Amino acid sequence: MKKIKIAIAGIGNCSSSLVQGINYYKDKDGRKAIGLMHWDIGGYEPSDIEVVAAFDIDKRKVGRDVSEAIFAPPNCTTVFCKDIPETGVRVQMGRILDGFADHMRNYPDPCTFVLAEEKEATGEDIVEILKRSGAEILLNYMPVGSEKATKGSRGIIAKTAINKYQ
């Protein structure tokens, strides 16, 4: 079977756990591996998931390989698989919209997002990246309350042939 090609919007704790999980289980025997409710879904196993594009707005993540960005602050999820090989996928600058809360500007850097200095992506930029990457699914891991950013992603998805999951 072919790989399931995913793009991720928001490289936070949920993304970190997902990427760690994909790598943790890739060399495991499905009959002996614990921690998953279902090893095989429709013939697909954890190792069949491939991250092909990623977006964020934090300067500690944008421009870095996904394998590094998932461990960058302010991420604070449990690290259960620290040896993640480079993916070759660089985190791209996303759209800010309401994905950054102004009231968080005065928090210490380890506790908040630090906006990247890169130019904010346009919807067209993101459409092009998604098409070029071959992404089939866009996972929305943007911060809770990012209503405008989530609605904006719907318009982007309408211009591509991918599915969105939250």
N, C-alpha and C. Protein backbone atom coordinates (compact mmCIF):
# COMPACT_ATOMS: atom_id res chain seq x y z
N MET A 1 0.84 -1.19 0.00
CA MET A 1 0.00 0.00 0.00
C MET A 1 0.88 1.24 0.00
N LYS A 2 0.34 2.30 -0.56
CA LYS A 2 1.11 3.54 -0.57
C LYS A 2 1.00 4.25 0.78
N LYS A 3 1.90 5.19 0.99
CA LYS A 3 1.92 5.97 2.23
C LYS A 3 0.71 6.91 2.29
N ILE A 4 0.31 7.24 3.50
CA ILE A 4 -0.70 8.27 3.73
C ILE A 4 0.08 9.56 3.94
N LYS A 5 -0.04 10.49 3.01
CA LYS A 5 0.75 11.72 3.05
C LYS A 5 -0.04 12.81 3.76
N ILE A 6 0.53 13.27 4.89
CA ILE A 6 -0.16 14.28 5.68
C ILE A 6 0.62 15.59 5.74
N ALA A 7 -0.13 16.67 5.86
CA ALA A 7 0.43 17.98 6.16
C ALA A 7 -0.11 18.35 7.54
N ILE A 8 0.69 19.08 8.31
CA ILE A 8 0.28 19.45 9.66
C ILE A 8 0.32 20.97 9.80
N ALA A 9 -0.79 21.54 10.24
CA ALA A 9 -0.86 22.97 10.54
C ALA A 9 -0.78 23.12 12.06
N GLY A 10 0.36 23.59 12.54
CA GLY A 10 0.58 23.75 13.98
C GLY A 10 1.47 22.64 14.52
N ILE A 11 2.73 22.95 14.77
CA ILE A 11 3.70 21.95 15.22
C ILE A 11 3.86 22.05 16.74
N GLY A 12 2.77 21.79 17.44
CA GLY A 12 2.76 21.84 18.90
C GLY A 12 2.85 20.46 19.52
N ASN A 13 2.31 20.35 20.72
CA ASN A 13 2.40 19.10 21.48
C ASN A 13 1.72 17.92 20.79
N CYS A 14 0.56 18.15 20.18
CA CYS A 14 -0.14 17.05 19.50
C CYS A 14 0.68 16.56 18.31
N SER A 15 1.26 17.48 17.56
CA SER A 15 2.11 17.10 16.43
C SER A 15 3.33 16.33 16.92
N SER A 16 3.91 16.79 18.01
CA SER A 16 5.08 16.12 18.57
C SER A 16 4.75 14.68 18.93
N SER A 17 3.63 14.49 19.61
CA SER A 17 3.23 13.14 20.01
C SER A 17 2.95 12.26 18.80
N LEU A 18 2.31 12.82 17.77
CA LEU A 18 2.02 12.05 16.56
C LEU A 18 3.31 11.61 15.87
N VAL A 19 4.22 12.55 15.64
CA VAL A 19 5.46 12.22 14.93
C VAL A 19 6.31 11.25 15.76
N GLN A 20 6.35 11.46 17.07
CA GLN A 20 7.07 10.51 17.92
C GLN A 20 6.44 9.12 17.81
N GLY A 21 5.11 9.07 17.85
CA GLY A 21 4.41 7.79 17.78
C GLY A 21 4.67 7.05 16.48
N ILE A 22 4.63 7.77 15.37
CA ILE A 22 4.91 7.15 14.07
C ILE A 22 6.28 6.50 14.10
N ASN A 23 7.26 7.22 14.64
CA ASN A 23 8.63 6.70 14.69
C ASN A 23 8.81 5.61 15.74
N TYR A 24 8.15 5.74 16.85
CA TYR A 24 8.25 4.75 17.92
C TYR A 24 7.75 3.39 17.45
N TYR A 25 6.65 3.40 16.72
CA TYR A 25 6.03 2.15 16.31
C TYR A 25 6.55 1.58 15.00
N LYS A 26 7.37 2.32 14.27
CA LYS A 26 7.75 1.88 12.93
C LYS A 26 8.49 0.54 12.89
N ASP A 27 9.25 0.22 13.91
CA ASP A 27 9.99 -1.04 13.93
C ASP A 27 9.40 -2.06 14.88
N LYS A 28 8.21 -1.80 15.36
CA LYS A 28 7.58 -2.71 16.33
C LYS A 28 6.77 -3.78 15.61
N ASP A 29 6.56 -4.86 16.31
CA ASP A 29 5.70 -5.94 15.86
C ASP A 29 4.29 -5.61 16.36
N GLY A 30 3.35 -5.50 15.45
CA GLY A 30 1.99 -5.13 15.81
C GLY A 30 1.33 -6.04 16.82
N ARG A 31 1.77 -7.28 16.89
CA ARG A 31 1.18 -8.23 17.85
C ARG A 31 1.71 -8.00 19.26
N LYS A 32 2.87 -7.34 19.37
CA LYS A 32 3.50 -7.15 20.68
C LYS A 32 3.50 -5.69 21.13
N ALA A 33 3.30 -4.77 20.23
CA ALA A 33 3.35 -3.34 20.57
C ALA A 33 2.15 -2.96 21.42
N ILE A 34 2.41 -2.20 22.46
CA ILE A 34 1.32 -1.72 23.30
C ILE A 34 1.17 -0.21 23.12
N GLY A 35 0.00 0.30 23.45
CA GLY A 35 -0.21 1.74 23.39
C GLY A 35 -1.15 2.19 22.29
N LEU A 36 -1.47 1.31 21.36
CA LEU A 36 -2.40 1.66 20.29
C LEU A 36 -3.65 0.80 20.42
N MET A 37 -4.80 1.42 20.22
CA MET A 37 -6.04 0.65 20.26
C MET A 37 -6.13 -0.30 19.06
N HIS A 38 -5.67 0.17 17.90
CA HIS A 38 -5.73 -0.63 16.67
C HIS A 38 -4.42 -0.46 15.93
N TRP A 39 -3.72 -1.54 15.73
CA TRP A 39 -2.45 -1.49 15.01
C TRP A 39 -2.68 -1.27 13.52
N ASP A 40 -3.68 -1.92 12.99
CA ASP A 40 -3.95 -1.93 11.56
C ASP A 40 -5.35 -1.35 11.33
N ILE A 41 -5.41 -0.32 10.52
CA ILE A 41 -6.71 0.26 10.17
C ILE A 41 -6.80 0.25 8.65
N GLY A 42 -7.67 -0.59 8.14
CA GLY A 42 -7.84 -0.68 6.69
C GLY A 42 -6.59 -1.10 5.95
N GLY A 43 -5.73 -1.86 6.62
CA GLY A 43 -4.49 -2.29 6.00
C GLY A 43 -3.32 -1.35 6.23
N TYR A 44 -3.56 -0.22 6.86
CA TYR A 44 -2.50 0.75 7.14
C TYR A 44 -2.00 0.59 8.57
N GLU A 45 -0.68 0.75 8.74
CA GLU A 45 -0.03 0.70 10.04
C GLU A 45 0.59 2.06 10.33
N PRO A 46 1.04 2.30 11.56
CA PRO A 46 1.62 3.61 11.89
C PRO A 46 2.73 4.05 10.95
N SER A 47 3.55 3.12 10.51
CA SER A 47 4.68 3.48 9.63
C SER A 47 4.23 3.90 8.23
N ASP A 48 2.96 3.74 7.92
CA ASP A 48 2.44 4.13 6.61
C ASP A 48 2.08 5.62 6.55
N ILE A 49 2.22 6.32 7.67
CA ILE A 49 1.92 7.76 7.71
C ILE A 49 3.22 8.52 7.47
N GLU A 50 3.17 9.45 6.52
CA GLU A 50 4.35 10.25 6.16
C GLU A 50 3.99 11.73 6.21
N VAL A 51 4.76 12.49 6.97
CA VAL A 51 4.58 13.95 7.01
C VAL A 51 5.28 14.53 5.79
N VAL A 52 4.52 15.23 4.95
CA VAL A 52 5.09 15.78 3.71
C VAL A 52 5.09 17.31 3.69
N ALA A 53 4.39 17.94 4.64
CA ALA A 53 4.39 19.40 4.74
C ALA A 53 4.01 19.77 6.17
N ALA A 54 4.51 20.92 6.61
CA ALA A 54 4.22 21.38 7.97
C ALA A 54 4.25 22.90 8.01
N PHE A 55 3.38 23.46 8.85
CA PHE A 55 3.26 24.91 8.97
C PHE A 55 3.22 25.31 10.44
N ASP A 56 3.82 26.45 10.75
CA ASP A 56 3.75 27.03 12.08
C ASP A 56 4.07 28.51 11.95
N ILE A 57 3.95 29.24 13.06
CA ILE A 57 4.25 30.68 13.05
C ILE A 57 5.34 31.04 14.06
N ASP A 58 5.84 30.05 14.78
CA ASP A 58 6.82 30.28 15.84
C ASP A 58 8.24 30.23 15.27
N LYS A 59 9.05 31.23 15.62
CA LYS A 59 10.40 31.31 15.06
C LYS A 59 11.29 30.15 15.47
N ARG A 60 10.94 29.46 16.53
CA ARG A 60 11.75 28.32 16.98
C ARG A 60 11.43 27.06 16.18
N LYS A 61 10.44 27.14 15.32
CA LYS A 61 10.01 25.98 14.52
C LYS A 61 10.13 26.22 13.02
N VAL A 62 9.76 27.42 12.57
CA VAL A 62 9.78 27.74 11.14
C VAL A 62 11.21 27.61 10.61
N GLY A 63 11.35 26.88 9.50
CA GLY A 63 12.64 26.69 8.87
C GLY A 63 13.39 25.45 9.34
N ARG A 64 12.94 24.85 10.41
CA ARG A 64 13.60 23.65 10.94
C ARG A 64 12.95 22.39 10.39
N ASP A 65 13.71 21.31 10.38
CA ASP A 65 13.16 20.02 9.99
C ASP A 65 12.10 19.63 11.02
N VAL A 66 11.06 18.97 10.57
CA VAL A 66 9.98 18.54 11.47
C VAL A 66 10.54 17.75 12.65
N SER A 67 11.58 16.94 12.39
CA SER A 67 12.17 16.11 13.45
C SER A 67 12.75 16.93 14.59
N GLU A 68 13.14 18.17 14.33
CA GLU A 68 13.66 19.07 15.36
C GLU A 68 12.55 19.96 15.91
N ALA A 69 11.72 20.46 15.02
CA ALA A 69 10.69 21.42 15.41
C ALA A 69 9.71 20.86 16.44
N ILE A 70 9.46 19.55 16.40
CA ILE A 70 8.50 18.96 17.34
C ILE A 70 8.98 19.02 18.78
N PHE A 71 10.28 19.26 18.98
CA PHE A 71 10.82 19.35 20.34
C PHE A 71 11.11 20.79 20.77
N ALA A 72 10.86 21.76 19.89
CA ALA A 72 11.15 23.16 20.20
C ALA A 72 10.11 23.73 21.16
N PRO A 73 10.56 24.64 22.04
CA PRO A 73 9.60 25.30 22.94
C PRO A 73 8.56 26.06 22.12
N PRO A 74 7.40 26.27 22.63
CA PRO A 74 6.95 25.96 23.98
C PRO A 74 6.43 24.54 24.16
N ASN A 75 6.70 23.64 23.18
CA ASN A 75 6.23 22.26 23.32
C ASN A 75 6.74 21.67 24.63
N CYS A 76 5.86 20.96 25.30
CA CYS A 76 6.22 20.40 26.61
C CYS A 76 5.61 19.03 26.83
N THR A 77 5.27 18.34 25.76
CA THR A 77 4.69 17.01 25.89
C THR A 77 5.78 16.01 26.28
N THR A 78 5.37 14.88 26.78
CA THR A 78 6.31 13.83 27.15
C THR A 78 7.10 13.38 25.92
N VAL A 79 8.40 13.25 26.09
CA VAL A 79 9.24 12.74 25.01
C VAL A 79 9.42 11.24 25.25
N PHE A 80 8.85 10.45 24.36
CA PHE A 80 8.96 8.99 24.49
C PHE A 80 9.73 8.37 23.33
N CYS A 81 10.11 9.19 22.37
CA CYS A 81 10.91 8.73 21.22
C CYS A 81 11.77 9.89 20.76
N LYS A 82 12.96 10.02 21.36
CA LYS A 82 13.77 11.21 21.09
C LYS A 82 14.60 11.11 19.81
N ASP A 83 14.83 9.91 19.33
CA ASP A 83 15.67 9.73 18.14
C ASP A 83 14.81 9.69 16.88
N ILE A 84 14.43 10.87 16.42
CA ILE A 84 13.61 10.99 15.22
C ILE A 84 14.54 11.33 14.06
N PRO A 85 14.59 10.51 13.02
CA PRO A 85 15.46 10.84 11.89
C PRO A 85 14.93 12.07 11.14
N GLU A 86 15.85 12.77 10.49
CA GLU A 86 15.43 13.92 9.70
C GLU A 86 14.42 13.48 8.66
N THR A 87 13.41 14.33 8.49
CA THR A 87 12.34 14.01 7.54
C THR A 87 12.59 14.62 6.17
N GLY A 88 13.42 15.67 6.13
CA GLY A 88 13.59 16.41 4.89
C GLY A 88 12.47 17.40 4.66
N VAL A 89 11.56 17.50 5.63
CA VAL A 89 10.43 18.43 5.54
C VAL A 89 10.69 19.59 6.48
N ARG A 90 10.82 20.78 5.92
CA ARG A 90 11.04 21.99 6.71
C ARG A 90 9.69 22.60 7.06
N VAL A 91 9.59 23.09 8.28
CA VAL A 91 8.36 23.76 8.71
C VAL A 91 8.30 25.10 7.99
N GLN A 92 7.19 25.33 7.32
CA GLN A 92 6.97 26.56 6.56
C GLN A 92 6.22 27.58 7.41
N MET A 93 6.45 28.84 7.11
CA MET A 93 5.69 29.90 7.78
C MET A 93 4.23 29.79 7.36
N GLY A 94 3.36 29.81 8.35
CA GLY A 94 1.93 29.73 8.08
C GLY A 94 1.29 31.10 8.09
N ARG A 95 -0.01 31.11 8.21
CA ARG A 95 -0.77 32.35 8.32
C ARG A 95 -1.03 32.61 9.80
N ILE A 96 -0.84 33.84 10.22
CA ILE A 96 -0.97 34.16 11.64
C ILE A 96 -2.44 34.29 12.03
N LEU A 97 -3.16 35.13 11.35
CA LEU A 97 -4.58 35.38 11.63
C LEU A 97 -4.80 35.47 13.14
N ASP A 98 -5.61 34.57 13.71
CA ASP A 98 -5.83 34.61 15.17
C ASP A 98 -5.11 33.46 15.87
N GLY A 99 -4.06 32.93 15.25
CA GLY A 99 -3.29 31.84 15.84
C GLY A 99 -2.30 32.31 16.89
N PHE A 100 -2.20 33.62 17.06
CA PHE A 100 -1.33 34.20 18.08
C PHE A 100 -2.15 35.20 18.88
N ALA A 101 -2.22 35.01 20.17
CA ALA A 101 -3.03 35.89 21.03
C ALA A 101 -2.17 37.04 21.55
N ASP A 102 -2.63 38.27 21.33
CA ASP A 102 -1.88 39.45 21.77
C ASP A 102 -1.58 39.43 23.27
N HIS A 103 -2.51 38.91 24.06
CA HIS A 103 -2.28 38.93 25.51
C HIS A 103 -1.12 38.02 25.93
N MET A 104 -0.62 37.21 25.02
CA MET A 104 0.50 36.32 25.33
C MET A 104 1.86 36.96 25.04
N ARG A 105 1.87 38.15 24.45
CA ARG A 105 3.14 38.79 24.08
C ARG A 105 4.07 39.02 25.26
N ASN A 106 3.53 39.25 26.43
CA ASN A 106 4.36 39.57 27.59
C ASN A 106 4.73 38.37 28.44
N TYR A 107 4.36 37.19 28.00
CA TYR A 107 4.74 35.97 28.73
C TYR A 107 6.20 35.64 28.40
N PRO A 108 6.88 34.93 29.30
CA PRO A 108 8.25 34.50 28.99
C PRO A 108 8.25 33.59 27.76
N ASP A 109 9.29 33.68 26.95
CA ASP A 109 9.36 32.90 25.71
C ASP A 109 9.07 31.41 25.88
N PRO A 110 9.56 30.76 26.95
CA PRO A 110 9.27 29.32 27.07
C PRO A 110 7.78 29.00 27.26
N CYS A 111 6.98 30.03 27.56
CA CYS A 111 5.55 29.81 27.87
C CYS A 111 4.62 30.30 26.78
N THR A 112 5.15 30.79 25.68
CA THR A 112 4.30 31.38 24.65
C THR A 112 4.89 31.16 23.27
N PHE A 113 4.14 31.55 22.25
CA PHE A 113 4.66 31.54 20.89
C PHE A 113 5.53 32.77 20.70
N VAL A 114 6.56 32.63 19.90
CA VAL A 114 7.41 33.75 19.52
C VAL A 114 7.29 33.85 18.01
N LEU A 115 6.65 34.92 17.55
CA LEU A 115 6.37 35.03 16.12
C LEU A 115 7.64 35.01 15.28
N ALA A 116 7.62 34.22 14.23
CA ALA A 116 8.73 34.16 13.29
C ALA A 116 8.81 35.48 12.53
N GLU A 117 10.00 35.80 12.08
CA GLU A 117 10.19 37.05 11.35
C GLU A 117 9.95 36.88 9.86
N GLU A 118 9.77 35.65 9.42
CA GLU A 118 9.49 35.39 8.01
C GLU A 118 8.17 36.04 7.61
N LYS A 119 8.07 36.34 6.33
CA LYS A 119 6.83 36.92 5.82
C LYS A 119 5.70 35.90 5.99
N GLU A 120 4.58 36.39 6.47
CA GLU A 120 3.41 35.53 6.65
C GLU A 120 2.99 34.94 5.30
N ALA A 121 2.70 33.66 5.30
CA ALA A 121 2.28 32.99 4.07
C ALA A 121 0.91 33.48 3.64
N THR A 122 0.70 33.51 2.35
CA THR A 122 -0.63 33.80 1.82
C THR A 122 -1.36 32.47 1.64
N GLY A 123 -2.65 32.54 1.43
CA GLY A 123 -3.40 31.33 1.14
C GLY A 123 -2.87 30.64 -0.10
N GLU A 124 -2.48 31.44 -1.11
CA GLU A 124 -1.94 30.88 -2.35
C GLU A 124 -0.62 30.15 -2.09
N ASP A 125 0.23 30.73 -1.21
CA ASP A 125 1.49 30.07 -0.86
C ASP A 125 1.22 28.68 -0.29
N ILE A 126 0.27 28.61 0.62
CA ILE A 126 -0.02 27.35 1.29
C ILE A 126 -0.62 26.34 0.31
N VAL A 127 -1.51 26.81 -0.55
CA VAL A 127 -2.08 25.92 -1.58
C VAL A 127 -0.95 25.32 -2.42
N GLU A 128 -0.01 26.15 -2.84
CA GLU A 128 1.09 25.67 -3.68
C GLU A 128 1.95 24.64 -2.94
N ILE A 129 2.26 24.91 -1.67
CA ILE A 129 3.06 23.96 -0.88
C ILE A 129 2.32 22.64 -0.73
N LEU A 130 1.04 22.70 -0.44
CA LEU A 130 0.25 21.48 -0.27
C LEU A 130 0.21 20.67 -1.57
N LYS A 131 -0.01 21.34 -2.68
CA LYS A 131 -0.07 20.64 -3.97
C LYS A 131 1.29 20.01 -4.30
N ARG A 132 2.35 20.80 -4.12
CA ARG A 132 3.69 20.31 -4.44
C ARG A 132 4.09 19.12 -3.57
N SER A 133 3.66 19.14 -2.31
CA SER A 133 4.03 18.07 -1.37
C SER A 133 3.29 16.76 -1.62
N GLY A 134 2.16 16.85 -2.30
CA GLY A 134 1.34 15.66 -2.51
C GLY A 134 0.50 15.29 -1.29
N ALA A 135 0.33 16.23 -0.37
CA ALA A 135 -0.45 15.96 0.85
C ALA A 135 -1.87 15.53 0.48
N GLU A 136 -2.34 14.53 1.20
CA GLU A 136 -3.70 14.02 1.01
C GLU A 136 -4.61 14.43 2.16
N ILE A 137 -4.00 14.74 3.29
CA ILE A 137 -4.75 15.10 4.50
C ILE A 137 -4.05 16.27 5.16
N LEU A 138 -4.82 17.24 5.62
CA LEU A 138 -4.29 18.35 6.42
C LEU A 138 -4.81 18.20 7.84
N LEU A 139 -3.90 18.02 8.78
CA LEU A 139 -4.28 17.94 10.19
C LEU A 139 -4.25 19.34 10.78
N ASN A 140 -5.33 19.73 11.41
CA ASN A 140 -5.41 21.04 12.04
C ASN A 140 -5.04 20.90 13.51
N TYR A 141 -3.80 21.22 13.82
CA TYR A 141 -3.33 21.23 15.20
C TYR A 141 -3.02 22.66 15.64
N MET A 142 -3.75 23.62 15.08
CA MET A 142 -3.57 25.01 15.47
C MET A 142 -4.13 25.20 16.88
N PRO A 143 -3.70 26.26 17.55
CA PRO A 143 -4.16 26.47 18.93
C PRO A 143 -5.68 26.57 19.05
N VAL A 144 -6.18 26.11 20.17
CA VAL A 144 -7.61 26.24 20.47
C VAL A 144 -7.98 27.72 20.37
N GLY A 145 -9.10 28.01 19.76
CA GLY A 145 -9.54 29.39 19.61
C GLY A 145 -9.09 30.04 18.32
N SER A 146 -8.33 29.34 17.50
CA SER A 146 -7.87 29.89 16.22
C SER A 146 -8.97 29.75 15.18
N GLU A 147 -10.05 30.44 15.42
CA GLU A 147 -11.24 30.32 14.58
C GLU A 147 -11.00 30.83 13.16
N LYS A 148 -10.39 32.02 13.04
CA LYS A 148 -10.13 32.58 11.71
C LYS A 148 -9.14 31.72 10.94
N ALA A 149 -8.13 31.24 11.63
CA ALA A 149 -7.13 30.39 10.97
C ALA A 149 -7.77 29.09 10.49
N THR A 150 -8.65 28.53 11.29
CA THR A 150 -9.32 27.29 10.91
C THR A 150 -10.25 27.54 9.72
N LYS A 151 -11.02 28.62 9.77
CA LYS A 151 -11.90 28.93 8.64
C LYS A 151 -11.09 29.21 7.38
N GLY A 152 -9.95 29.87 7.53
CA GLY A 152 -9.09 30.15 6.39
C GLY A 152 -8.56 28.88 5.76
N SER A 153 -8.31 27.87 6.59
CA SER A 153 -7.80 26.61 6.04
C SER A 153 -8.86 25.90 5.21
N ARG A 154 -10.13 26.15 5.51
CA ARG A 154 -11.20 25.54 4.70
C ARG A 154 -11.15 26.04 3.26
N GLY A 155 -10.90 27.33 3.11
CA GLY A 155 -10.80 27.90 1.76
C GLY A 155 -9.61 27.35 1.01
N ILE A 156 -8.52 27.14 1.74
CA ILE A 156 -7.32 26.57 1.12
C ILE A 156 -7.60 25.14 0.68
N ILE A 157 -8.25 24.38 1.52
CA ILE A 157 -8.55 22.99 1.21
C ILE A 157 -9.46 22.88 0.00
N ALA A 158 -10.37 23.83 -0.14
CA ALA A 158 -11.28 23.81 -1.28
C ALA A 158 -10.51 23.94 -2.60
N LYS A 159 -9.30 24.54 -2.55
CA LYS A 159 -8.49 24.72 -3.75
C LYS A 159 -7.52 23.56 -3.98
N THR A 160 -7.56 22.59 -3.09
CA THR A 160 -6.70 21.41 -3.24
C THR A 160 -7.59 20.17 -3.21
N ALA A 161 -6.97 19.04 -3.36
CA ALA A 161 -7.75 17.79 -3.33
C ALA A 161 -7.49 17.03 -2.03
N ILE A 162 -7.28 17.78 -0.93
CA ILE A 162 -6.96 17.09 0.32
C ILE A 162 -8.12 17.16 1.30
N ASN A 163 -8.03 16.35 2.32
CA ASN A 163 -9.03 16.30 3.38
C ASN A 163 -8.47 16.97 4.62
N LYS A 164 -9.36 17.50 5.45
CA LYS A 164 -8.92 18.18 6.68
C LYS A 164 -9.50 17.47 7.88
N TYR A 165 -8.67 17.28 8.88
CA TYR A 165 -9.11 16.67 10.12
C TYR A 165 -8.66 17.53 11.28
N GLN A 166 -9.55 17.65 12.27
CA GLN A 166 -9.21 18.42 13.47
C GLN A 166 -9.15 17.51 14.65
